[in-house]
C-alpha atoms as a PDB file:
ATOM      1  CA  MET A   1      14.733 -27.219 -37.492  1.00  0.00           C
ATOM      2  CA  LYS A   2      14.147 -25.954 -40.472  1.00  0.00           C
ATOM      3  CA  ARG A   3      10.333 -26.624 -41.597  1.00  0.00           C
ATOM      4  CA  ALA A   4       8.827 -25.844 -45.448  1.00  0.00           C
ATOM      5  CA  ILE A   5      12.132 -24.267 -47.367  1.00  0.00           C
ATOM      6  CA  GLY A   6      10.773 -24.668 -50.850  1.00  0.00           C
ATOM      7  CA  ILE A   7       8.018 -26.369 -53.195  1.00  0.00           C
ATOM      8  CA  GLY A   8       8.586 -29.363 -54.551  1.00  0.00           C
ATOM      9  CA  GLY A   9       5.718 -30.415 -56.224  1.00  0.00           C
ATOM     10  CA  VAL A  10       1.933 -28.567 -57.363  1.00  0.00           C
ATOM     11  CA  PHE A  11      -0.306 -30.951 -58.398  1.00  0.00           C
ATOM     12  CA  ILE A  12      -4.399 -30.063 -59.792  1.00  0.00           C
ATOM     13  CA  LYS A  13      -6.983 -32.331 -60.621  1.00  0.00           C
ATOM     14  CA  SER A  14      -9.303 -31.117 -63.492  1.00  0.00           C
ATOM     15  CA  LYS A  15     -12.163 -32.037 -65.490  1.00  0.00           C
ATOM     16  CA  ASP A  16      -9.643 -32.179 -68.740  1.00  0.00           C
ATOM     17  CA  PRO A  17      -6.306 -32.421 -67.395  1.00  0.00           C
ATOM     18  CA  LYS A  18      -4.702 -32.417 -70.773  1.00  0.00           C
ATOM     19  CA  ALA A  19      -6.707 -28.888 -71.822  1.00  0.00           C
ATOM     20  CA  LEU A  20      -5.704 -27.144 -68.683  1.00  0.00           C
ATOM     21  CA  SER A  21      -1.744 -28.100 -69.107  1.00  0.00           C
ATOM     22  CA  ALA A  22      -2.014 -27.429 -73.182  1.00  0.00           C
ATOM     23  CA  TRP A  23      -3.787 -23.443 -71.644  1.00  0.00           C
ATOM     24  CA  TYR A  24      -0.855 -23.293 -69.239  1.00  0.00           C
ATOM     25  CA  GLN A  25       1.393 -24.194 -72.065  1.00  0.00           C
ATOM     26  CA  LYS A  26       0.408 -21.881 -74.829  1.00  0.00           C
ATOM     27  CA  HIS A  27      -0.651 -19.379 -72.031  1.00  0.00           C
ATOM     28  CA  LEU A  28       2.486 -19.710 -69.603  1.00  0.00           C
ATOM     29  CA  GLY A  29       5.246 -21.221 -71.584  1.00  0.00           C
ATOM     30  CA  ILE A  30       5.343 -24.192 -68.880  1.00  0.00           C
ATOM     31  CA  ASN A  31       7.386 -26.651 -71.234  1.00  0.00           C
ATOM     32  CA  LEU A  32       5.157 -30.150 -70.899  1.00  0.00           C
ATOM     33  CA  LEU A  33       7.564 -32.998 -70.873  1.00  0.00           C
ATOM     34  CA  GLU A  34       6.447 -36.905 -72.247  1.00  0.00           C
ATOM     35  CA  TRP A  35       4.564 -37.427 -69.371  1.00  0.00           C
ATOM     36  CA  GLY A  36       2.807 -34.920 -69.562  1.00  0.00           C
ATOM     37  CA  GLY A  37       3.525 -32.620 -66.624  1.00  0.00           C
ATOM     38  CA  ALA A  38       6.807 -30.288 -66.198  1.00  0.00           C
ATOM     39  CA  VAL A  39       9.679 -30.339 -64.331  1.00  0.00           C
ATOM     40  CA  PHE A  40      11.339 -26.694 -62.993  1.00  0.00           C
ATOM     41  CA  SER A  41      14.891 -27.291 -61.844  1.00  0.00           C
ATOM     42  CA  TRP A  42      16.613 -25.067 -59.055  1.00  0.00           C
ATOM     43  CA  ASP A  43      20.455 -24.768 -58.514  1.00  0.00           C
ATOM     44  CA  GLU A  44      20.399 -24.232 -54.637  1.00  0.00           C
ATOM     45  CA  GLN A  45      17.818 -25.197 -51.977  1.00  0.00           C
ATOM     46  CA  SER A  46      19.344 -24.674 -48.892  1.00  0.00           C
ATOM     47  CA  LYS A  47      23.158 -24.906 -48.283  1.00  0.00           C
ATOM     48  CA  THR A  48      23.205 -28.946 -48.059  1.00  0.00           C
ATOM     49  CA  SER A  49      20.984 -29.190 -51.205  1.00  0.00           C
ATOM     50  CA  LYS A  50      22.705 -28.051 -54.081  1.00  0.00           C
ATOM     51  CA  ASN A  51      19.738 -28.810 -56.790  1.00  0.00           C
ATOM     52  CA  GLY A  52      16.616 -30.619 -57.738  1.00  0.00           C
ATOM     53  CA  ALA A  53      13.339 -29.693 -59.160  1.00  0.00           C
ATOM     54  CA  THR A  54       9.814 -28.428 -58.701  1.00  0.00           C
ATOM     55  CA  ILE A  55       7.401 -31.422 -60.256  1.00  0.00           C
ATOM     56  CA  TRP A  56       3.939 -29.927 -61.900  1.00  0.00           C
ATOM     57  CA  SER A  57       1.506 -31.836 -62.968  1.00  0.00           C
ATOM     58  CA  MET A  58      -2.651 -31.972 -63.918  1.00  0.00           C
ATOM     59  CA  PHE A  59      -4.749 -35.255 -62.096  1.00  0.00           C
ATOM     60  CA  PRO A  60      -8.172 -36.039 -63.628  1.00  0.00           C
ATOM     61  CA  ASP A  61     -10.932 -35.034 -61.239  1.00  0.00           C
ATOM     62  CA  ASN A  62     -11.476 -38.532 -60.396  1.00  0.00           C
ATOM     63  CA  SER A  63      -7.768 -39.359 -59.656  1.00  0.00           C
ATOM     64  CA  ASP A  64      -7.345 -40.776 -55.644  1.00  0.00           C
ATOM     65  CA  TYR A  65      -3.670 -39.493 -56.103  1.00  0.00           C
ATOM     66  CA  PHE A  66      -4.742 -37.002 -53.246  1.00  0.00           C
ATOM     67  CA  ASP A  67      -6.139 -38.716 -50.929  1.00  0.00           C
ATOM     68  CA  PRO A  68      -7.420 -39.024 -48.247  1.00  0.00           C
ATOM     69  CA  SER A  69      -7.588 -35.480 -49.377  1.00  0.00           C
ATOM     70  CA  ASP A  70     -11.080 -33.922 -51.476  1.00  0.00           C
ATOM     71  CA  GLN A  71      -8.827 -30.907 -52.413  1.00  0.00           C
ATOM     72  CA  LYS A  72      -8.509 -30.161 -56.328  1.00  0.00           C
ATOM     73  CA  VAL A  73      -4.811 -28.586 -55.500  1.00  0.00           C
ATOM     74  CA  MET A  74      -2.161 -30.763 -53.654  1.00  0.00           C
ATOM     75  CA  LEU A  75       1.076 -28.797 -53.014  1.00  0.00           C
ATOM     76  CA  ASN A  76       4.498 -30.453 -52.186  1.00  0.00           C
ATOM     77  CA  TYR A  77       6.356 -28.589 -49.541  1.00  0.00           C
ATOM     78  CA  VAL A  78      10.370 -29.165 -49.186  1.00  0.00           C
ATOM     79  CA  VAL A  79      11.396 -29.899 -45.749  1.00  0.00           C
ATOM     80  CA  GLU A  80      14.864 -30.880 -43.536  1.00  0.00           C
ATOM     81  CA  ASN A  81      13.221 -33.872 -41.836  1.00  0.00           C
ATOM     82  CA  VAL A  82      10.529 -35.302 -42.377  1.00  0.00           C
ATOM     83  CA  VAL A  83      10.559 -37.455 -39.743  1.00  0.00           C
ATOM     84  CA  GLU A  84      11.372 -35.136 -37.030  1.00  0.00           C
ATOM     85  CA  LEU A  85       9.003 -32.638 -37.855  1.00  0.00           C
ATOM     86  CA  ALA A  86       6.126 -35.180 -38.254  1.00  0.00           C
ATOM     87  CA  LYS A  87       6.710 -35.820 -34.381  1.00  0.00           C
ATOM     88  CA  VAL A  88       6.745 -32.211 -33.879  1.00  0.00           C
ATOM     89  CA  LEU A  89       3.552 -31.433 -35.608  1.00  0.00           C
ATOM     90  CA  LYS A  90       1.900 -34.099 -33.895  1.00  0.00           C
ATOM     91  CA  GLU A  91       3.620 -32.608 -30.371  1.00  0.00           C
ATOM     92  CA  GLU A  92       1.621 -29.633 -31.618  1.00  0.00           C
ATOM     93  CA  GLY A  93      -1.987 -31.054 -31.970  1.00  0.00           C
ATOM     94  CA  VAL A  94      -1.672 -31.928 -35.908  1.00  0.00           C
ATOM     95  CA  GLU A  95      -3.526 -35.010 -36.680  1.00  0.00           C
ATOM     96  CA  ILE A  96      -1.040 -37.312 -38.293  1.00  0.00           C
ATOM     97  CA  VAL A  97      -2.308 -39.883 -40.374  1.00  0.00           C
ATOM     98  CA  GLY A  98      -0.721 -43.127 -40.566  1.00  0.00           C
ATOM     99  CA  GLU A  99       2.837 -43.608 -40.133  1.00  0.00           C
ATOM    100  CA  VAL A 100       5.334 -42.170 -42.824  1.00  0.00           C
ATOM    101  CA  SER A 101       6.379 -44.936 -45.616  1.00  0.00           C
ATOM    102  CA  GLU A 102       8.582 -45.034 -48.209  1.00  0.00           C
ATOM    103  CA  THR A 103       8.625 -45.234 -51.702  1.00  0.00           C
ATOM    104  CA  PRO A 104      11.032 -44.557 -54.767  1.00  0.00           C
ATOM    105  CA  GLN A 105      10.451 -41.293 -54.591  1.00  0.00           C
ATOM    106  CA  GLY A 106      10.772 -40.903 -50.609  1.00  0.00           C
ATOM    107  CA  LYS A 107       8.991 -40.819 -47.512  1.00  0.00           C
ATOM    108  CA  PHE A 108       5.743 -40.057 -47.466  1.00  0.00           C
ATOM    109  CA  SER A 109       4.070 -39.311 -43.965  1.00  0.00           C
ATOM    110  CA  ALA A 110      -0.296 -37.008 -44.165  1.00  0.00           C
ATOM    111  CA  TYR A 111      -1.076 -35.025 -42.017  1.00  0.00           C
ATOM    112  CA  ALA A 112      -4.276 -33.201 -40.935  1.00  0.00           C
ATOM    113  CA  GLU A 113      -3.894 -29.718 -42.019  1.00  0.00           C
ATOM    114  CA  ALA A 114      -6.453 -26.481 -41.192  1.00  0.00           C
ATOM    115  CA  SER A 115      -8.160 -26.647 -44.635  1.00  0.00           C
ATOM    116  CA  ALA A 116      -7.452 -30.727 -45.561  1.00  0.00           C
ATOM    117  CA  LYS A 117      -5.450 -33.126 -45.427  1.00  0.00           C
ATOM    118  CA  ALA A 118      -1.682 -32.690 -46.396  1.00  0.00           C
ATOM    119  CA  TYR A 119       0.835 -34.984 -46.799  1.00  0.00           C
ATOM    120  CA  VAL A 120       4.781 -35.388 -45.793  1.00  0.00           C
ATOM    121  CA  ASP A 121       6.636 -36.795 -47.598  1.00  0.00           C
ATOM    122  CA  THR A 122      10.838 -37.395 -48.339  1.00  0.00           C
ATOM    123  CA  ARG A 123      13.163 -37.385 -51.318  1.00  0.00           C
ATOM    124  CA  PRO A 124      15.326 -40.458 -50.880  1.00  0.00           C
ATOM    125  CA  ARG A 125      19.045 -40.445 -50.551  1.00  0.00           C
ATOM    126  CA  LYS A 126      20.902 -37.453 -50.059  1.00  0.00           C
ATOM    127  CA  GLN A 127      18.326 -35.063 -51.418  1.00  0.00           C
ATOM    128  CA  LYS A 128      16.108 -32.743 -48.552  1.00  0.00           C
ATOM    129  CA  SER A 129      12.102 -33.453 -47.882  1.00  0.00           C
ATOM    130  CA  ARG A 130       9.237 -32.415 -48.603  1.00  0.00           C
ATOM    131  CA  VAL A 131       5.930 -32.203 -47.317  1.00  0.00           C
ATOM    132  CA  VAL A 132       2.892 -32.622 -49.511  1.00  0.00           C
ATOM    133  CA  GLY A 133      -0.260 -30.563 -48.960  1.00  0.00           C
ATOM    134  CA  THR A 134      -3.620 -29.254 -49.716  1.00  0.00           C
END
């Protein structure tokens, strides 16, 4: 089973998310969308996934979106199968926090990694799984 095969998202906490987003837009040319973040599209992630995107977004420092992690950055990794990966991680001694839950955006599960809490998610339908971590 393949584990991390791509980046599904980059999320950053900031005291002033709008100003930091504007800095990235000005200096790195990131095209900010109406909702304040960006989408980097990619054509071919693997043999079975022909398209997808990496989401890039800022959050206020007091956001609970990263909970239970207290980190300022969260990375979302694309994986082949979040349910199977969670089983393998547990067998390898990784602490799984809660059960895999399903949302309109995909399946999510949290696990504890070496430096903080991290998250696992799967995009719905025929898309690949993603691991979200800090």
